[in-house]
C-alpha atoms as a PDB file:
ATOM      1  CA  MET A   1       0.000   0.000   0.000  1.00  0.00           C
ATOM      2  CA  VAL A   2       1.415   3.325  -0.993  1.00  0.00           C
ATOM      3  CA  GLU A   3       0.517   6.001   1.512  1.00  0.00           C
ATOM      4  CA  ARG A   4       0.263   9.479   0.073  1.00  0.00           C
ATOM      5  CA  SER A   5       0.424  12.094   2.778  1.00  0.00           C
ATOM      6  CA  ALA A   6      -0.567  15.643   1.955  1.00  0.00           C
ATOM      7  CA  ALA A   7       0.232  17.016   5.382  1.00  0.00           C
ATOM      8  CA  ALA A   8       3.324  18.629   3.907  1.00  0.00           C
ATOM      9  CA  GLY A   9       1.217  21.173   2.132  1.00  0.00           C
ATOM     10  CA  SER A  10      -0.949  21.797   5.162  1.00  0.00           C
ATOM     11  CA  ARG A  11       1.062  24.766   6.369  1.00  0.00           C
ATOM     12  CA  SER A  12       4.058  26.706   5.181  1.00  0.00           C
ATOM     13  CA  ARG A  13       5.916  29.111   7.440  1.00  0.00           C
ATOM     14  CA  SER A  14       9.261  29.827   5.860  1.00  0.00           C
ATOM     15  CA  ASP A  15       8.833  33.483   6.824  1.00  0.00           C
ATOM     16  CA  GLN A  16       8.391  32.520  10.488  1.00  0.00           C
ATOM     17  CA  THR A  17      11.228  30.013  10.756  1.00  0.00           C
ATOM     18  CA  LYS A  18      13.317  32.272  12.969  1.00  0.00           C
ATOM     19  CA  SER A  19      10.603  32.368  15.638  1.00  0.00           C
ATOM     20  CA  ILE A  20      10.523  28.594  16.041  1.00  0.00           C
ATOM     21  CA  THR A  21      12.128  27.265  19.191  1.00  0.00           C
ATOM     22  CA  THR A  22      14.901  24.793  18.446  1.00  0.00           C
ATOM     23  CA  LEU A  23      15.757  23.163  21.768  1.00  0.00           C
ATOM     24  CA  LYS A  24      17.971  20.467  20.302  1.00  0.00           C
ATOM     25  CA  LYS A  25      20.832  22.880  19.676  1.00  0.00           C
ATOM     26  CA  THR A  26      21.048  23.822  23.341  1.00  0.00           C
ATOM     27  CA  THR A  27      19.696  20.860  25.291  1.00  0.00           C
ATOM     28  CA  GLY A  28      20.484  17.688  23.328  1.00  0.00           C
ATOM     29  CA  ARG A  29      18.118  15.015  22.093  1.00  0.00           C
ATOM     30  CA  LEU A  30      14.405  15.843  22.118  1.00  0.00           C
ATOM     31  CA  PHE A  31      13.016  12.352  21.595  1.00  0.00           C
ATOM     32  CA  VAL A  32      13.915   8.699  21.316  1.00  0.00           C
ATOM     33  CA  VAL A  33      12.423   5.962  19.171  1.00  0.00           C
ATOM     34  CA  LYS A  34      11.021   2.946  20.970  1.00  0.00           C
ATOM     35  CA  ARG A  35       8.100   0.519  20.859  1.00  0.00           C
ATOM     36  CA  SER A  36       4.704   2.250  20.548  1.00  0.00           C
ATOM     37  CA  GLY A  37       1.303   1.132  21.788  1.00  0.00           C
ATOM     38  CA  ILE A  38      -0.229   2.736  18.697  1.00  0.00           C
ATOM     39  CA  HIS A  39       1.774   1.013  15.974  1.00  0.00           C
ATOM     40  CA  GLY A  40       5.255  -0.474  15.735  1.00  0.00           C
ATOM     41  CA  LYS A  41       7.801   2.100  16.793  1.00  0.00           C
ATOM     42  CA  GLY A  42       7.156   5.690  17.821  1.00  0.00           C
ATOM     43  CA  GLY A  43       8.964   8.819  18.955  1.00  0.00           C
ATOM     44  CA  PHE A  44       8.783   9.692  22.666  1.00  0.00           C
ATOM     45  CA  ALA A  45       9.803  12.981  24.281  1.00  0.00           C
ATOM     46  CA  VAL A  46      12.799  12.740  26.623  1.00  0.00           C
ATOM     47  CA  GLN A  47      12.287  16.252  27.979  1.00  0.00           C
ATOM     48  CA  SER A  48       9.550  18.868  28.149  1.00  0.00           C
ATOM     49  CA  ILE A  49       8.957  20.320  24.693  1.00  0.00           C
ATOM     50  CA  PRO A  50       7.252  23.706  24.370  1.00  0.00           C
ATOM     51  CA  LYS A  51       4.619  24.482  21.760  1.00  0.00           C
ATOM     52  CA  GLY A  52       6.202  25.702  18.516  1.00  0.00           C
ATOM     53  CA  THR A  53       9.363  23.610  18.752  1.00  0.00           C
ATOM     54  CA  ARG A  54      10.829  22.344  15.510  1.00  0.00           C
ATOM     55  CA  LEU A  55      11.559  18.709  16.344  1.00  0.00           C
ATOM     56  CA  ILE A  56      13.069  17.185  13.231  1.00  0.00           C
ATOM     57  CA  GLU A  57      13.208  17.299   9.462  1.00  0.00           C
ATOM     58  CA  TYR A  58      11.600  14.368   7.641  1.00  0.00           C
ATOM     59  CA  LYS A  59      14.569  13.063   5.644  1.00  0.00           C
ATOM     60  CA  GLY A  60      14.923  10.633   2.792  1.00  0.00           C
ATOM     61  CA  GLU A  61      15.404  10.403  -0.939  1.00  0.00           C
ATOM     62  CA  ILE A  62      13.204  12.750  -2.978  1.00  0.00           C
ATOM     63  CA  ILE A  63      11.666  10.765  -5.833  1.00  0.00           C
ATOM     64  CA  THR A  64       8.730  11.027  -8.237  1.00  0.00           C
ATOM     65  CA  TRP A  65       5.379   9.312  -7.828  1.00  0.00           C
ATOM     66  CA  ALA A  66       6.276   7.167 -10.854  1.00  0.00           C
ATOM     67  CA  SER A  67       9.346   5.939  -8.935  1.00  0.00           C
ATOM     68  CA  VAL A  68       7.153   5.233  -5.914  1.00  0.00           C
ATOM     69  CA  ASP A  69       4.828   3.121  -8.044  1.00  0.00           C
ATOM     70  CA  ARG A  70       7.807   1.100  -9.345  1.00  0.00           C
ATOM     71  CA  ARG A  71       9.397   0.637  -5.898  1.00  0.00           C
ATOM     72  CA  TYR A  72       6.209  -0.143  -4.016  1.00  0.00           C
ATOM     73  CA  PRO A  73       3.644  -1.896  -6.191  1.00  0.00           C
ATOM     74  CA  ASP A  74       0.103  -1.468  -4.928  1.00  0.00           C
ATOM     75  CA  ASP A  75      -0.068  -4.953  -3.496  1.00  0.00           C
ATOM     76  CA  GLU A  76      -2.013  -5.677  -0.345  1.00  0.00           C
ATOM     77  CA  GLY A  77       0.127  -8.733   0.399  1.00  0.00           C
ATOM     78  CA  PRO A  78       2.275  -9.173   3.510  1.00  0.00           C
ATOM     79  CA  GLY A  79       5.113  -6.682   3.801  1.00  0.00           C
ATOM     80  CA  GLN A  80       3.762  -4.438   1.034  1.00  0.00           C
ATOM     81  CA  ASN A  81       1.774  -2.047   3.198  1.00  0.00           C
ATOM     82  CA  HIS A  82       4.445  -0.356   5.261  1.00  0.00           C
ATOM     83  CA  THR A  83       6.142   2.519   3.515  1.00  0.00           C
ATOM     84  CA  PHE A  84       7.709   5.726   4.748  1.00  0.00           C
ATOM     85  CA  LEU A  85       6.549   8.164   2.100  1.00  0.00           C
ATOM     86  CA  PHE A  86       5.783  11.845   2.560  1.00  0.00           C
ATOM     87  CA  GLU A  87       4.348  13.924  -0.263  1.00  0.00           C
ATOM     88  CA  VAL A  88       6.313  17.093  -1.083  1.00  0.00           C
ATOM     89  CA  ASP A  89       3.994  18.152  -3.919  1.00  0.00           C
ATOM     90  CA  ASP A  90       1.905  16.585  -6.687  1.00  0.00           C
ATOM     91  CA  LYS A  91       5.015  15.243  -8.413  1.00  0.00           C
ATOM     92  CA  ARG A  92       7.527  14.424  -5.659  1.00  0.00           C
ATOM     93  CA  VAL A  93       7.751  12.368  -2.502  1.00  0.00           C
ATOM     94  CA  ILE A  94      10.279  11.884   0.287  1.00  0.00           C
ATOM     95  CA  ASP A  95      11.052   8.166   0.620  1.00  0.00           C
ATOM     96  CA  ALA A  96      12.412   7.673   4.145  1.00  0.00           C
ATOM     97  CA  ASN A  97      13.211   4.027   3.359  1.00  0.00           C
ATOM     98  CA  VAL A  98      16.278   5.456   1.609  1.00  0.00           C
ATOM     99  CA  GLY A  99      18.364   7.820   3.721  1.00  0.00           C
ATOM    100  CA  GLY A 100      15.569   8.408   6.222  1.00  0.00           C
ATOM    101  CA  ASN A 101      15.894   9.379   9.869  1.00  0.00           C
ATOM    102  CA  SER A 102      13.896   8.862  13.057  1.00  0.00           C
ATOM    103  CA  ALA A 103      11.105  11.179  11.844  1.00  0.00           C
ATOM    104  CA  ARG A 104       9.764   8.203   9.867  1.00  0.00           C
ATOM    105  CA  TRP A 105       8.798   6.490  13.125  1.00  0.00           C
ATOM    106  CA  LEU A 106       6.430   9.225  14.327  1.00  0.00           C
ATOM    107  CA  ASN A 107       2.897   7.844  14.391  1.00  0.00           C
ATOM    108  CA  HIS A 108      -0.483   9.235  13.382  1.00  0.00           C
ATOM    109  CA  SER A 109      -3.133  10.519  15.767  1.00  0.00           C
ATOM    110  CA  CYS A 110      -6.500  12.144  15.188  1.00  0.00           C
ATOM    111  CA  THR A 111      -5.649  14.397  18.160  1.00  0.00           C
ATOM    112  CA  PRO A 112      -2.005  15.194  17.435  1.00  0.00           C
ATOM    113  CA  ASN A 113       0.539  17.125  19.465  1.00  0.00           C
ATOM    114  CA  CYS A 114       2.684  17.854  16.399  1.00  0.00           C
ATOM    115  CA  GLU A 115       2.191  18.878  12.783  1.00  0.00           C
ATOM    116  CA  ALA A 116       4.074  18.641   9.520  1.00  0.00           C
ATOM    117  CA  VAL A 117       5.239  21.920   8.030  1.00  0.00           C
ATOM    118  CA  GLY A 118       6.381  22.184   4.412  1.00  0.00           C
ATOM    119  CA  GLU A 119       9.102  24.616   3.381  1.00  0.00           C
ATOM    120  CA  ASP A 120      10.076  24.314  -0.264  1.00  0.00           C
ATOM    121  CA  ASP A 121      11.304  20.706  -0.743  1.00  0.00           C
ATOM    122  CA  ARG A 122      11.605  20.077   2.979  1.00  0.00           C
ATOM    123  CA  ILE A 123       9.205  18.772   5.611  1.00  0.00           C
ATOM    124  CA  PHE A 124       9.601  19.529   9.312  1.00  0.00           C
ATOM    125  CA  ILE A 125       7.737  18.174  12.318  1.00  0.00           C
ATOM    126  CA  GLU A 126       6.859  20.801  14.932  1.00  0.00           C
ATOM    127  CA  SER A 127       5.019  20.659  18.252  1.00  0.00           C
ATOM    128  CA  ILE A 128       1.606  22.314  18.314  1.00  0.00           C
ATOM    129  CA  LYS A 129       1.147  22.038  22.082  1.00  0.00           C
ATOM    130  CA  PRO A 130       3.412  21.491  25.082  1.00  0.00           C
ATOM    131  CA  ILE A 131       4.646  17.892  25.303  1.00  0.00           C
ATOM    132  CA  LYS A 132       5.683  16.201  28.557  1.00  0.00           C
ATOM    133  CA  PRO A 133       8.602  13.772  28.907  1.00  0.00           C
ATOM    134  CA  GLY A 134       7.452  10.266  27.987  1.00  0.00           C
ATOM    135  CA  GLU A 135       4.612  11.435  25.710  1.00  0.00           C
ATOM    136  CA  GLU A 136       4.531  10.015  22.219  1.00  0.00           C
ATOM    137  CA  LEU A 137       5.036  12.545  19.406  1.00  0.00           C
ATOM    138  CA  LEU A 138       2.084  12.297  17.020  1.00  0.00           C
ATOM    139  CA  TYR A 139       0.870  14.126  13.946  1.00  0.00           C
ATOM    140  CA  ASP A 140      -2.152  13.758  11.678  1.00  0.00           C
ATOM    141  CA  TYR A 141      -0.995  11.956   8.525  1.00  0.00           C
ATOM    142  CA  ASN A 142      -3.913  13.469   6.625  1.00  0.00           C
ATOM    143  CA  ILE A 143      -3.373  11.119   3.691  1.00  0.00           C
ATOM    144  CA  GLN A 144      -5.075  12.399   0.570  1.00  0.00           C
ATOM    145  CA  LEU A 145      -6.226   9.944  -2.074  1.00  0.00           C
ATOM    146  CA  PRO A 146      -8.063  10.912  -5.260  1.00  0.00           C
ATOM    147  CA  GLU A 147     -10.534   8.037  -5.126  1.00  0.00           C
ATOM    148  CA  ARG A 148     -13.735   7.893  -3.080  1.00  0.00           C
ATOM    149  CA  HIS A 149     -13.137   7.005   0.579  1.00  0.00           C
ATOM    150  CA  THR A 150     -15.125   3.788   0.688  1.00  0.00           C
ATOM    151  CA  PRO A 151     -15.490   1.754   3.883  1.00  0.00           C
ATOM    152  CA  ALA A 152     -12.977  -0.753   2.454  1.00  0.00           C
ATOM    153  CA  LEU A 153     -10.450   2.007   1.743  1.00  0.00           C
ATOM    154  CA  LYS A 154     -10.905   3.442   5.237  1.00  0.00           C
ATOM    155  CA  ARG A 155     -10.260  -0.025   6.703  1.00  0.00           C
ATOM    156  CA  ARG A 156      -7.113  -0.305   4.601  1.00  0.00           C
ATOM    157  CA  TYR A 157      -5.969   3.015   6.102  1.00  0.00           C
ATOM    158  CA  LEU A 158      -7.146   2.149   9.606  1.00  0.00           C
ATOM    159  CA  CYS A 159      -6.310   4.504  12.473  1.00  0.00           C
ATOM    160  CA  ARG A 160      -5.017   2.969  15.688  1.00  0.00           C
ATOM    161  CA  CYS A 161      -4.725   6.132  17.798  1.00  0.00           C
ATOM    162  CA  GLY A 162      -7.594   5.195  20.118  1.00  0.00           C
ATOM    163  CA  THR A 163      -8.468   8.777  21.082  1.00  0.00           C
ATOM    164  CA  ARG A 164     -12.041   9.883  21.832  1.00  0.00           C
ATOM    165  CA  ARG A 165     -12.080  11.924  18.615  1.00  0.00           C
ATOM    166  CA  CYS A 166     -10.609   9.153  16.457  1.00  0.00           C
ATOM    167  CA  ARG A 167     -12.107   9.272  12.964  1.00  0.00           C
ATOM    168  CA  GLY A 168     -11.190   5.612  12.342  1.00  0.00           C
ATOM    169  CA  THR A 169      -8.839   6.287   9.424  1.00  0.00           C
ATOM    170  CA  ILE A 170      -5.551   8.043   8.702  1.00  0.00           C
ATOM    171  CA  LEU A 171      -7.097   9.434   5.532  1.00  0.00           C
ATOM    172  CA  GLY A 172      -7.744  13.159   5.542  1.00  0.00           C
ATOM    173  CA  LYS A 173     -11.049  14.724   4.669  1.00  0.00           C
ATOM    174  CA  LYS A 174     -11.689  15.031   0.953  1.00  0.00           C
ATOM    175  CA  ARG A 175     -10.798  18.479  -0.368  1.00  0.00           C
END
């Protein structure tokens, strides 16, 4: 399953970059990757993180959607549904399977404490509320697909966040 995330285009703040708190430069590591109760691995704060903190850049090889389709055939078989793709724009994607970093392990939530911010060809994850040590870092994947969001498609993109406001899918609302 190829996951197309449009969260990158959800907000752009290149003009406000200087106002973003960057704790890592002065206080060391902000989060660690470990087992998550939501799904697989996740990122967990190792210190208090204020709202507006730039946590990490989503890194990986920038490729085209045509390359994605060749690398990850749309096959629902075992092992084919776990990709680390982040949409940059309608033509390009960051593939964190190649040259990716720990940002690829951050999980989805329908009530996130982080968000993805796009700046040119780059994607950053920033906190949108204060985060306590031990809390999992979560953002809304907001995956956008052109086809109708049928019940079967929503099941394929099942959300596991378990929050009271869970919408049951990691798909975003149709635009």
